[in-house]
C-alpha atoms as a PDB file:
ATOM      1  CA  MET A   1       0.000   0.000   0.000  1.00  0.00           C
ATOM      2  CA  LEU A   2       0.948   3.589  -0.479  1.00  0.00           C
ATOM      3  CA  LYS A   3       3.058   5.408   2.055  1.00  0.00           C
ATOM      4  CA  LEU A   4       2.744   9.150   2.059  1.00  0.00           C
ATOM      5  CA  LYS A   5       6.069  10.838   1.342  1.00  0.00           C
ATOM      6  CA  SER A   6       7.325  13.329   3.829  1.00  0.00           C
ATOM      7  CA  VAL A   7       7.202  16.874   2.571  1.00  0.00           C
ATOM      8  CA  LYS A   8      10.605  18.299   1.779  1.00  0.00           C
ATOM      9  CA  THR A   9      11.391  21.762   2.984  1.00  0.00           C
ATOM     10  CA  PHE A  10      12.312  24.009   0.163  1.00  0.00           C
ATOM     11  CA  VAL A  11      12.190  27.635  -0.846  1.00  0.00           C
ATOM     12  CA  ILE A  12       9.406  28.464  -3.279  1.00  0.00           C
ATOM     13  CA  ALA A  13      10.463  30.816  -6.053  1.00  0.00           C
ATOM     14  CA  SER A  14       8.133  33.479  -7.355  1.00  0.00           C
ATOM     15  CA  ALA A  15       7.783  31.592 -10.645  1.00  0.00           C
ATOM     16  CA  VAL A  16       8.630  28.240 -12.170  1.00  0.00           C
ATOM     17  CA  SER A  17      11.312  28.638 -14.866  1.00  0.00           C
ATOM     18  CA  LEU A  18      11.509  26.746 -18.112  1.00  0.00           C
ATOM     19  CA  ALA A  19      14.503  26.545 -20.411  1.00  0.00           C
ATOM     20  CA  ALA A  20      13.470  27.745 -23.834  1.00  0.00           C
ATOM     21  CA  ALA A  21      15.481  27.869 -27.020  1.00  0.00           C
ATOM     22  CA  THR A  22      15.406  31.653 -26.969  1.00  0.00           C
ATOM     23  CA  GLY A  23      16.246  31.962 -23.295  1.00  0.00           C
ATOM     24  CA  ALA A  24      14.459  31.778 -19.958  1.00  0.00           C
ATOM     25  CA  LEU A  25      10.676  31.860 -20.301  1.00  0.00           C
ATOM     26  CA  ALA A  26       8.682  32.455 -17.158  1.00  0.00           C
ATOM     27  CA  PHE A  27       5.944  29.915 -16.554  1.00  0.00           C
ATOM     28  CA  PRO A  28       3.118  30.563 -16.251  1.00  0.00           C
ATOM     29  CA  ASP A  29       2.828  33.818 -18.171  1.00  0.00           C
ATOM     30  CA  LYS A  30      -0.968  33.672 -18.492  1.00  0.00           C
ATOM     31  CA  SER A  31      -3.919  32.070 -16.758  1.00  0.00           C
ATOM     32  CA  ILE A  32      -4.381  28.298 -16.725  1.00  0.00           C
ATOM     33  CA  GLU A  33      -7.742  26.675 -17.458  1.00  0.00           C
ATOM     34  CA  TYR A  34      -8.458  24.051 -14.809  1.00  0.00           C
ATOM     35  CA  ILE A  35     -11.302  21.812 -15.948  1.00  0.00           C
ATOM     36  CA  ILE A  36     -13.221  19.791 -13.373  1.00  0.00           C
ATOM     37  CA  PRO A  37     -14.990  16.890 -15.134  1.00  0.00           C
ATOM     38  CA  PHE A  38     -17.879  17.032 -12.650  1.00  0.00           C
ATOM     39  CA  GLY A  39     -20.432  19.630 -11.658  1.00  0.00           C
ATOM     40  CA  PRO A  40     -19.677  22.358  -9.116  1.00  0.00           C
ATOM     41  CA  GLY A  41     -19.863  21.766  -5.378  1.00  0.00           C
ATOM     42  CA  GLY A  42     -18.251  18.331  -5.100  1.00  0.00           C
ATOM     43  CA  GLU A  43     -14.941  17.549  -3.439  1.00  0.00           C
ATOM     44  CA  SER A  44     -13.038  17.837  -6.734  1.00  0.00           C
ATOM     45  CA  ASP A  45     -14.364  21.373  -7.080  1.00  0.00           C
ATOM     46  CA  ILE A  46     -13.784  22.249  -3.420  1.00  0.00           C
ATOM     47  CA  SER A  47     -10.149  21.154  -3.444  1.00  0.00           C
ATOM     48  CA  ALA A  48      -9.486  22.950  -6.757  1.00  0.00           C
ATOM     49  CA  ARG A  49     -10.946  26.122  -5.253  1.00  0.00           C
ATOM     50  CA  PHE A  50      -8.571  25.700  -2.315  1.00  0.00           C
ATOM     51  CA  GLN A  51      -5.662  25.670  -4.780  1.00  0.00           C
ATOM     52  CA  GLN A  52      -6.737  28.811  -6.651  1.00  0.00           C
ATOM     53  CA  PRO A  53      -5.587  31.592  -4.299  1.00  0.00           C
ATOM     54  CA  PHE A  54      -2.288  29.854  -3.578  1.00  0.00           C
ATOM     55  CA  PHE A  55      -1.542  29.574  -7.295  1.00  0.00           C
ATOM     56  CA  LYS A  56      -2.332  33.260  -7.769  1.00  0.00           C
ATOM     57  CA  ASP A  57      -0.164  34.255  -4.809  1.00  0.00           C
ATOM     58  CA  LYS A  58       2.838  32.190  -5.866  1.00  0.00           C
ATOM     59  CA  PHE A  59       2.799  32.642  -9.632  1.00  0.00           C
ATOM     60  CA  GLY A  60       0.798  35.815 -10.277  1.00  0.00           C
ATOM     61  CA  GLN A  61      -1.621  34.097 -12.642  1.00  0.00           C
ATOM     62  CA  ASP A  62      -5.146  32.757 -12.284  1.00  0.00           C
ATOM     63  CA  LEU A  63      -6.379  29.197 -12.192  1.00  0.00           C
ATOM     64  CA  VAL A  64      -9.670  29.516 -14.050  1.00  0.00           C
ATOM     65  CA  VAL A  65     -11.909  26.681 -12.898  1.00  0.00           C
ATOM     66  CA  SER A  66     -14.524  25.418 -15.353  1.00  0.00           C
ATOM     67  CA  TYR A  67     -16.714  22.313 -15.488  1.00  0.00           C
ATOM     68  CA  LYS A  68     -17.339  19.538 -17.996  1.00  0.00           C
ATOM     69  CA  PRO A  69     -19.598  17.054 -16.203  1.00  0.00           C
ATOM     70  CA  GLY A  70     -20.936  13.786 -17.539  1.00  0.00           C
ATOM     71  CA  GLY A  71     -20.453  10.056 -17.222  1.00  0.00           C
ATOM     72  CA  GLY A  72     -18.871  10.278 -13.774  1.00  0.00           C
ATOM     73  CA  GLY A  73     -15.970  12.224 -15.272  1.00  0.00           C
ATOM     74  CA  ALA A  74     -15.672  10.133 -18.449  1.00  0.00           C
ATOM     75  CA  VAL A  75     -16.981  12.858 -20.764  1.00  0.00           C
ATOM     76  CA  GLY A  76     -14.163  15.197 -19.780  1.00  0.00           C
ATOM     77  CA  TRP A  77     -11.406  12.590 -19.701  1.00  0.00           C
ATOM     78  CA  ALA A  78     -12.395  11.301 -23.146  1.00  0.00           C
ATOM     79  CA  GLN A  79     -11.907  14.826 -24.535  1.00  0.00           C
ATOM     80  CA  LEU A  80      -8.720  15.739 -22.680  1.00  0.00           C
ATOM     81  CA  ASN A  81      -6.236  14.682 -25.340  1.00  0.00           C
ATOM     82  CA  SER A  82      -8.021  16.716 -28.009  1.00  0.00           C
ATOM     83  CA  MET A  83      -7.439  19.928 -26.039  1.00  0.00           C
ATOM     84  CA  THR A  84      -4.593  22.409 -26.516  1.00  0.00           C
ATOM     85  CA  ALA A  85      -1.370  20.810 -25.288  1.00  0.00           C
ATOM     86  CA  ASP A  86       0.623  23.887 -24.313  1.00  0.00           C
ATOM     87  CA  GLY A  87       0.612  23.529 -20.529  1.00  0.00           C
ATOM     88  CA  TYR A  88      -2.201  26.029 -20.055  1.00  0.00           C
ATOM     89  CA  THR A  89      -5.061  23.535 -20.057  1.00  0.00           C
ATOM     90  CA  ILE A  90      -5.287  20.965 -17.279  1.00  0.00           C
ATOM     91  CA  MET A  91      -8.020  18.714 -15.935  1.00  0.00           C
ATOM     92  CA  GLY A  92      -8.784  17.195 -12.563  1.00  0.00           C
ATOM     93  CA  VAL A  93      -8.468  13.417 -12.364  1.00  0.00           C
ATOM     94  CA  ASN A  94      -9.838  10.952  -9.845  1.00  0.00           C
ATOM     95  CA  LEU A  95      -9.027   7.435  -8.726  1.00  0.00           C
ATOM     96  CA  PRO A  96     -10.359   4.811  -8.875  1.00  0.00           C
ATOM     97  CA  HIS A  97     -12.488   6.364 -11.664  1.00  0.00           C
ATOM     98  CA  ILE A  98      -9.830   6.516 -14.389  1.00  0.00           C
ATOM     99  CA  VAL A  99      -8.894   2.871 -13.762  1.00  0.00           C
ATOM    100  CA  ILE A 100     -12.290   1.226 -13.263  1.00  0.00           C
ATOM    101  CA  GLN A 101     -14.309   3.094 -15.909  1.00  0.00           C
ATOM    102  CA  PRO A 102     -12.310   1.951 -18.961  1.00  0.00           C
ATOM    103  CA  ALA A 103     -11.891  -1.529 -17.463  1.00  0.00           C
ATOM    104  CA  GLN A 104     -15.672  -1.940 -17.345  1.00  0.00           C
ATOM    105  CA  LYS A 105     -16.552  -0.697 -20.829  1.00  0.00           C
ATOM    106  CA  ASP A 106     -15.580   1.621 -23.680  1.00  0.00           C
ATOM    107  CA  VAL A 107     -15.751   5.150 -22.252  1.00  0.00           C
ATOM    108  CA  GLY A 108     -13.722   6.913 -24.914  1.00  0.00           C
ATOM    109  CA  TYR A 109     -10.371   6.762 -23.108  1.00  0.00           C
ATOM    110  CA  THR A 110      -8.037   4.290 -21.433  1.00  0.00           C
ATOM    111  CA  THR A 111      -6.140   4.675 -18.185  1.00  0.00           C
ATOM    112  CA  ASP A 112      -2.881   4.996 -20.100  1.00  0.00           C
ATOM    113  CA  ASP A 113      -4.347   7.849 -22.169  1.00  0.00           C
ATOM    114  CA  ILE A 114      -4.371  10.093 -19.091  1.00  0.00           C
ATOM    115  CA  THR A 115      -1.144  12.027 -18.438  1.00  0.00           C
ATOM    116  CA  THR A 116      -1.417  12.739 -14.738  1.00  0.00           C
ATOM    117  CA  PHE A 117       1.329  15.064 -13.533  1.00  0.00           C
ATOM    118  CA  TYR A 118       0.495  15.462  -9.841  1.00  0.00           C
ATOM    119  CA  MET A 119      -1.626  13.721  -7.192  1.00  0.00           C
ATOM    120  CA  PHE A 120      -2.172  16.145  -4.362  1.00  0.00           C
ATOM    121  CA  HIS A 121      -4.609  14.567  -1.929  1.00  0.00           C
ATOM    122  CA  TYR A 122      -7.024  11.807  -1.166  1.00  0.00           C
ATOM    123  CA  THR A 123     -10.213  11.555   0.821  1.00  0.00           C
ATOM    124  CA  PRO A 124      -9.588   8.592   3.142  1.00  0.00           C
ATOM    125  CA  ASP A 125     -12.170   5.841   3.297  1.00  0.00           C
ATOM    126  CA  ALA A 126     -13.819   5.547   6.700  1.00  0.00           C
ATOM    127  CA  ILE A 127     -16.540   3.479   8.316  1.00  0.00           C
ATOM    128  CA  VAL A 128     -19.070   5.917   9.722  1.00  0.00           C
ATOM    129  CA  VAL A 129     -21.993   5.239  12.063  1.00  0.00           C
ATOM    130  CA  THR A 130     -24.485   7.507  13.762  1.00  0.00           C
ATOM    131  CA  ALA A 131     -23.622   8.850  17.187  1.00  0.00           C
ATOM    132  CA  ASP A 132     -26.209   6.576  18.809  1.00  0.00           C
ATOM    133  CA  SER A 133     -25.188   3.446  16.897  1.00  0.00           C
ATOM    134  CA  PRO A 134     -24.695   0.282  18.965  1.00  0.00           C
ATOM    135  CA  TYR A 135     -21.346  -0.119  17.201  1.00  0.00           C
ATOM    136  CA  GLN A 136     -18.882   1.550  19.528  1.00  0.00           C
ATOM    137  CA  SER A 137     -15.867   0.084  17.759  1.00  0.00           C
ATOM    138  CA  LEU A 138     -14.870  -1.688  14.571  1.00  0.00           C
ATOM    139  CA  ASP A 139     -14.810  -4.945  16.520  1.00  0.00           C
ATOM    140  CA  ASP A 140     -18.509  -4.469  17.315  1.00  0.00           C
ATOM    141  CA  LEU A 141     -19.395  -4.187  13.634  1.00  0.00           C
ATOM    142  CA  ILE A 142     -17.232  -7.173  12.723  1.00  0.00           C
ATOM    143  CA  ALA A 143     -18.791  -9.287  15.479  1.00  0.00           C
ATOM    144  CA  ASP A 144     -22.297  -8.504  14.223  1.00  0.00           C
ATOM    145  CA  ALA A 145     -21.314  -9.272  10.628  1.00  0.00           C
ATOM    146  CA  LYS A 146     -19.807 -12.612  11.649  1.00  0.00           C
ATOM    147  CA  ALA A 147     -22.852 -13.582  13.724  1.00  0.00           C
ATOM    148  CA  ASN A 148     -25.319 -12.411  11.074  1.00  0.00           C
ATOM    149  CA  PRO A 149     -23.762 -12.667   7.604  1.00  0.00           C
ATOM    150  CA  GLY A 150     -25.199 -10.128   5.178  1.00  0.00           C
ATOM    151  CA  SER A 151     -27.307  -8.364   7.789  1.00  0.00           C
ATOM    152  CA  VAL A 152     -24.917  -5.444   8.279  1.00  0.00           C
ATOM    153  CA  THR A 153     -26.012  -3.021   5.582  1.00  0.00           C
ATOM    154  CA  MET A 154     -23.594  -0.263   4.603  1.00  0.00           C
ATOM    155  CA  SER A 155     -24.313   2.707   2.360  1.00  0.00           C
ATOM    156  CA  GLY A 156     -21.697   4.002  -0.039  1.00  0.00           C
ATOM    157  CA  SER A 157     -21.177   6.332  -2.952  1.00  0.00           C
ATOM    158  CA  GLY A 158     -22.054   4.306  -6.055  1.00  0.00           C
ATOM    159  CA  LYS A 159     -20.880   1.051  -7.561  1.00  0.00           C
ATOM    160  CA  ALA A 160     -17.209   0.299  -8.327  1.00  0.00           C
ATOM    161  CA  THR A 161     -16.209   3.471  -6.464  1.00  0.00           C
ATOM    162  CA  ALA A 162     -13.578   3.950  -3.769  1.00  0.00           C
ATOM    163  CA  ASN A 163     -16.226   3.158  -1.140  1.00  0.00           C
ATOM    164  CA  HIS A 164     -17.351   0.001  -2.924  1.00  0.00           C
ATOM    165  CA  LEU A 165     -13.827  -1.289  -3.482  1.00  0.00           C
ATOM    166  CA  ALA A 166     -13.025  -0.586   0.173  1.00  0.00           C
ATOM    167  CA  GLN A 167     -16.047  -2.633   1.274  1.00  0.00           C
ATOM    168  CA  ILE A 168     -14.967  -5.516  -0.957  1.00  0.00           C
ATOM    169  CA  ARG A 169     -11.403  -5.484   0.331  1.00  0.00           C
ATOM    170  CA  PHE A 170     -12.367  -5.083   3.971  1.00  0.00           C
ATOM    171  CA  ASP A 171     -14.916  -7.917   3.911  1.00  0.00           C
ATOM    172  CA  LYS A 172     -12.185 -10.175   2.563  1.00  0.00           C
ATOM    173  CA  MET A 173      -9.634  -9.047   5.155  1.00  0.00           C
ATOM    174  CA  ALA A 174     -12.038  -9.375   8.075  1.00  0.00           C
ATOM    175  CA  ASP A 175     -13.595 -12.601   6.735  1.00  0.00           C
ATOM    176  CA  ILE A 176     -17.098 -11.168   6.950  1.00  0.00           C
ATOM    177  CA  LYS A 177     -20.055 -10.594   4.631  1.00  0.00           C
ATOM    178  CA  THR A 178     -21.724  -7.188   4.680  1.00  0.00           C
ATOM    179  CA  THR A 179     -24.297  -5.812   2.250  1.00  0.00           C
ATOM    180  CA  TYR A 180     -23.228  -2.761   0.272  1.00  0.00           C
ATOM    181  CA  VAL A 181     -26.019  -0.360  -0.683  1.00  0.00           C
ATOM    182  CA  PRO A 182     -24.907   2.092  -3.398  1.00  0.00           C
ATOM    183  CA  PHE A 183     -26.273   5.638  -3.494  1.00  0.00           C
ATOM    184  CA  LYS A 184     -25.725   8.433  -5.988  1.00  0.00           C
ATOM    185  CA  GLY A 185     -23.005  10.372  -4.240  1.00  0.00           C
ATOM    186  CA  THR A 186     -21.611  10.775  -0.758  1.00  0.00           C
ATOM    187  CA  GLY A 187     -24.388  13.173   0.229  1.00  0.00           C
ATOM    188  CA  ALA A 188     -27.129  10.631  -0.457  1.00  0.00           C
ATOM    189  CA  SER A 189     -25.100   7.889   1.221  1.00  0.00           C
ATOM    190  CA  THR A 190     -24.703  10.060   4.321  1.00  0.00           C
ATOM    191  CA  THR A 191     -28.405  10.887   4.397  1.00  0.00           C
ATOM    192  CA  ALA A 192     -29.208   7.171   4.304  1.00  0.00           C
ATOM    193  CA  ASN A 193     -26.864   6.541   7.227  1.00  0.00           C
ATOM    194  CA  LEU A 194     -28.215   9.426   9.306  1.00  0.00           C
ATOM    195  CA  GLY A 195     -31.766   8.296   8.530  1.00  0.00           C
ATOM    196  CA  LYS A 196     -30.922   4.755   9.689  1.00  0.00           C
ATOM    197  CA  GLN A 197     -31.763   3.200   6.336  1.00  0.00           C
ATOM    198  CA  VAL A 198     -28.517   1.278   6.833  1.00  0.00           C
ATOM    199  CA  LYS A 199     -26.498   0.186   9.845  1.00  0.00           C
ATOM    200  CA  ALA A 200     -23.294   1.964   8.798  1.00  0.00           C
ATOM    201  CA  GLN A 201     -21.682   3.878   5.973  1.00  0.00           C
ATOM    202  CA  TRP A 202     -18.599   3.443   3.879  1.00  0.00           C
ATOM    203  CA  GLY A 203     -17.859   7.141   3.733  1.00  0.00           C
ATOM    204  CA  TYR A 204     -14.856   9.392   4.051  1.00  0.00           C
ATOM    205  CA  THR A 205     -13.128  11.467   6.697  1.00  0.00           C
ATOM    206  CA  THR A 206     -14.827  14.470   5.096  1.00  0.00           C
ATOM    207  CA  VAL A 207     -18.148  13.045   6.286  1.00  0.00           C
ATOM    208  CA  GLY A 208     -16.820  13.124   9.824  1.00  0.00           C
ATOM    209  CA  ALA A 209     -15.656  16.702   9.334  1.00  0.00           C
ATOM    210  CA  ALA A 210     -19.005  17.811   7.914  1.00  0.00           C
ATOM    211  CA  GLN A 211     -21.322  15.933  10.291  1.00  0.00           C
ATOM    212  CA  GLY A 212     -19.434  16.479  13.539  1.00  0.00           C
ATOM    213  CA  ASP A 213     -21.109  15.081  16.640  1.00  0.00           C
ATOM    214  CA  ALA A 214     -23.925  13.485  14.625  1.00  0.00           C
ATOM    215  CA  VAL A 215     -21.631  10.635  13.587  1.00  0.00           C
ATOM    216  CA  ARG A 216     -18.818   8.464  14.870  1.00  0.00           C
ATOM    217  CA  MET A 217     -16.042   7.050  12.709  1.00  0.00           C
ATOM    218  CA  LEU A 218     -14.902   3.556  13.628  1.00  0.00           C
ATOM    219  CA  ALA A 219     -11.699   3.535  11.547  1.00  0.00           C
ATOM    220  CA  VAL A 220      -9.958   5.531   8.813  1.00  0.00           C
ATOM    221  CA  ALA A 221      -7.884   4.249   5.896  1.00  0.00           C
ATOM    222  CA  MET A 222      -4.686   6.199   6.566  1.00  0.00           C
ATOM    223  CA  GLU A 223      -1.093   5.429   7.510  1.00  0.00           C
ATOM    224  CA  GLU A 224      -1.461   7.561  10.635  1.00  0.00           C
ATOM    225  CA  ARG A 225      -4.431   9.043  12.463  1.00  0.00           C
ATOM    226  CA  HIS A 226      -5.958  12.112  10.903  1.00  0.00           C
ATOM    227  CA  PRO A 227      -5.032  15.208  12.960  1.00  0.00           C
ATOM    228  CA  LEU A 228      -8.654  16.332  12.883  1.00  0.00           C
ATOM    229  CA  PHE A 229      -9.701  13.021  14.474  1.00  0.00           C
ATOM    230  CA  PRO A 230      -6.961  12.012  16.917  1.00  0.00           C
ATOM    231  CA  ASP A 231      -9.236   9.547  18.721  1.00  0.00           C
ATOM    232  CA  VAL A 232     -10.196   7.570  15.609  1.00  0.00           C
ATOM    233  CA  PRO A 233      -7.904   4.598  14.936  1.00  0.00           C
ATOM    234  CA  THR A 234      -6.573   3.647  11.530  1.00  0.00           C
ATOM    235  CA  PHE A 235      -7.468   0.309   9.981  1.00  0.00           C
ATOM    236  CA  LYS A 236      -3.760  -0.540  10.141  1.00  0.00           C
ATOM    237  CA  GLU A 237      -3.729  -0.036  13.914  1.00  0.00           C
ATOM    238  CA  LEU A 238      -6.585  -2.511  14.114  1.00  0.00           C
ATOM    239  CA  GLY A 239      -4.792  -5.112  12.024  1.00  0.00           C
ATOM    240  CA  PHE A 240      -6.117  -4.374   8.525  1.00  0.00           C
ATOM    241  CA  ASP A 241      -3.694  -3.150   5.863  1.00  0.00           C
ATOM    242  CA  MET A 242      -5.999  -0.566   4.314  1.00  0.00           C
ATOM    243  CA  VAL A 243      -4.822   2.859   3.196  1.00  0.00           C
ATOM    244  CA  GLY A 244      -6.694   4.704   0.485  1.00  0.00           C
ATOM    245  CA  GLY A 245      -9.847   6.406  -0.656  1.00  0.00           C
ATOM    246  CA  ALA A 246     -10.771   8.778  -3.459  1.00  0.00           C
ATOM    247  CA  TYR A 247      -7.541  10.169  -4.924  1.00  0.00           C
ATOM    248  CA  ARG A 248      -7.403  13.474  -6.794  1.00  0.00           C
ATOM    249  CA  GLY A 249      -4.829  15.104  -8.995  1.00  0.00           C
ATOM    250  CA  MET A 250      -4.331  16.925 -12.279  1.00  0.00           C
ATOM    251  CA  ALA A 251      -3.590  15.793 -15.820  1.00  0.00           C
ATOM    252  CA  ALA A 252      -2.648  17.494 -19.070  1.00  0.00           C
ATOM    253  CA  PRO A 253      -3.222  16.565 -22.739  1.00  0.00           C
ATOM    254  CA  LYS A 254      -0.813  13.793 -23.751  1.00  0.00           C
ATOM    255  CA  ASP A 255       1.092  15.943 -26.266  1.00  0.00           C
ATOM    256  CA  THR A 256       2.024  18.541 -23.666  1.00  0.00           C
ATOM    257  CA  PRO A 257       5.837  18.931 -23.812  1.00  0.00           C
ATOM    258  CA  ALA A 258       7.786  17.150 -21.098  1.00  0.00           C
ATOM    259  CA  GLU A 259       9.268  20.395 -19.793  1.00  0.00           C
ATOM    260  CA  MET A 260       5.768  21.818 -19.365  1.00  0.00           C
ATOM    261  CA  ILE A 261       4.638  18.688 -17.510  1.00  0.00           C
ATOM    262  CA  LYS A 262       7.621  19.117 -15.178  1.00  0.00           C
ATOM    263  CA  ALA A 263       6.825  22.808 -14.677  1.00  0.00           C
ATOM    264  CA  LEU A 264       3.183  22.057 -13.862  1.00  0.00           C
ATOM    265  CA  SER A 265       4.234  19.314 -11.454  1.00  0.00           C
ATOM    266  CA  ASP A 266       6.659  21.661  -9.707  1.00  0.00           C
ATOM    267  CA  ALA A 267       4.068  24.432  -9.482  1.00  0.00           C
ATOM    268  CA  PHE A 268       1.418  22.289  -7.850  1.00  0.00           C
ATOM    269  CA  GLY A 269       4.047  20.674  -5.661  1.00  0.00           C
ATOM    270  CA  ALA A 270       4.891  24.143  -4.384  1.00  0.00           C
ATOM    271  CA  ILE A 271       1.241  24.715  -3.477  1.00  0.00           C
ATOM    272  CA  ASN A 272       1.068  21.346  -1.747  1.00  0.00           C
ATOM    273  CA  ALA A 273       4.133  22.215   0.340  1.00  0.00           C
ATOM    274  CA  ASP A 274       2.579  25.434   1.639  1.00  0.00           C
ATOM    275  CA  GLU A 275       1.705  24.942   5.302  1.00  0.00           C
ATOM    276  CA  ALA A 276      -1.363  27.203   5.069  1.00  0.00           C
ATOM    277  CA  PHE A 277      -2.691  25.133   2.176  1.00  0.00           C
ATOM    278  CA  ARG A 278      -2.006  21.889   4.005  1.00  0.00           C
ATOM    279  CA  LYS A 279      -3.818  23.122   7.092  1.00  0.00           C
ATOM    280  CA  GLN A 280      -6.845  24.164   5.044  1.00  0.00           C
ATOM    281  CA  MET A 281      -7.010  20.733   3.452  1.00  0.00           C
ATOM    282  CA  LEU A 282      -6.619  18.875   6.743  1.00  0.00           C
ATOM    283  CA  ASP A 283      -9.223  21.055   8.413  1.00  0.00           C
ATOM    284  CA  GLY A 284     -11.632  20.008   5.661  1.00  0.00           C
ATOM    285  CA  GLY A 285     -11.048  16.338   6.421  1.00  0.00           C
ATOM    286  CA  PHE A 286      -8.776  15.629   3.449  1.00  0.00           C
ATOM    287  CA  ALA A 287      -5.400  13.876   3.582  1.00  0.00           C
ATOM    288  CA  LEU A 288      -2.380  15.253   1.731  1.00  0.00           C
ATOM    289  CA  LEU A 289      -0.590  13.281  -0.927  1.00  0.00           C
ATOM    290  CA  ASP A 290       2.603  14.273  -2.741  1.00  0.00           C
ATOM    291  CA  VAL A 291       3.135  12.315  -5.944  1.00  0.00           C
ATOM    292  CA  ASP A 292       4.906  14.307  -8.649  1.00  0.00           C
ATOM    293  CA  SER A 293       5.344  13.568 -12.344  1.00  0.00           C
ATOM    294  CA  ALA A 294       8.539  11.594 -11.717  1.00  0.00           C
ATOM    295  CA  GLY A 295       6.813   9.228  -9.303  1.00  0.00           C
ATOM    296  CA  MET A 296       3.520   8.937 -11.158  1.00  0.00           C
ATOM    297  CA  ALA A 297       4.178   5.770 -13.161  1.00  0.00           C
ATOM    298  CA  ASP A 298       4.943   3.661 -10.072  1.00  0.00           C
ATOM    299  CA  PHE A 299       2.052   5.187  -8.143  1.00  0.00           C
ATOM    300  CA  MET A 300      -0.442   4.512 -10.933  1.00  0.00           C
ATOM    301  CA  LYS A 301       0.733   0.936 -11.447  1.00  0.00           C
ATOM    302  CA  ALA A 302       0.225   0.140  -7.761  1.00  0.00           C
ATOM    303  CA  ARG A 303      -3.240   1.668  -7.724  1.00  0.00           C
ATOM    304  CA  LYS A 304      -4.269  -0.001 -10.989  1.00  0.00           C
ATOM    305  CA  ASP A 305      -3.174  -3.445  -9.810  1.00  0.00           C
ATOM    306  CA  GLU A 306      -5.036  -2.990  -6.521  1.00  0.00           C
ATOM    307  CA  TYR A 307      -8.284  -1.773  -8.089  1.00  0.00           C
ATOM    308  CA  ILE A 308      -8.407  -4.320 -10.892  1.00  0.00           C
ATOM    309  CA  GLN A 309      -7.822  -7.184  -8.472  1.00  0.00           C
ATOM    310  CA  ALA A 310     -10.602  -6.069  -6.124  1.00  0.00           C
ATOM    311  CA  ALA A 311     -13.045  -5.336  -8.939  1.00  0.00           C
ATOM    312  CA  THR A 312     -12.315  -8.649 -10.674  1.00  0.00           C
ATOM    313  CA  GLU A 313     -12.797 -10.655  -7.493  1.00  0.00           C
ATOM    314  CA  ALA A 314     -16.127  -8.930  -6.921  1.00  0.00           C
ATOM    315  CA  GLY A 315     -17.312  -9.582 -10.471  1.00  0.00           C
ATOM    316  CA  LEU A 316     -17.538  -5.886 -11.287  1.00  0.00           C
ATOM    317  CA  LEU A 317     -15.662  -6.235 -14.577  1.00  0.00           C
ATOM    318  CA  ASN A 318     -17.738  -9.034 -16.078  1.00  0.00           C
END
């Protein structure tokens, strides 16, 4: 499983420099279009909006956020490589979406078509129950699931999503059988949990941040405890090697020059290293991730292998 890299201390320059044939060309020298392949208001949009003022402050140019929703992101990703490849058009990307979607059917792109240059955070998977739930601990939920196979119903955000794959993996690790109930989005999944339509929720740490005292998280899929929830154990602490969730980053059209990919990676790495940005993300319930363009191939291979195995075992790719 992934281990988060420690953040290196470094001095952030006022601009990222590129070597050009005619001399040093400052990058960026104009605004960058940042396309979110979903509608406004979701976590992809929220985290992009967090990045905006830091980009402006560090590089003097705007990140202009726009939206191209459809097909759970597939409409945008299928069009990415037809867009201008000059480093000034980028698009948000999500995992496991860009792995599972093309593995299930023809969606107009393949995983290898997507040139991801930086992964900057993930929303950790978490098991969430209501504050008055009889499950006081993860052991309580496991005990019920073992005694009553299939009776522990758990809401989640859609089929073949991060939540669904987490449920599949955890059931196998814990040797239990729970019933996953997919809803259209985290909001609907949370409403079902709060309304006691299910016994628990495969949600995210952001659900804990948003719902506060109305819910209790039994475990989070992180290497270490989330600083916003110091009393909530990780799955690893409890004996289950689970780290992950919904990963988010940025990609560029495949023909974007390598030096521009490096410059984009460095720019967003500088934002991710900013302590004020990191605090804002953590306060929102997110977890920071620092995978640059140089480390992307290894990162993507590990994620792809993990997702395809889980989805295949669950019959989601048939």
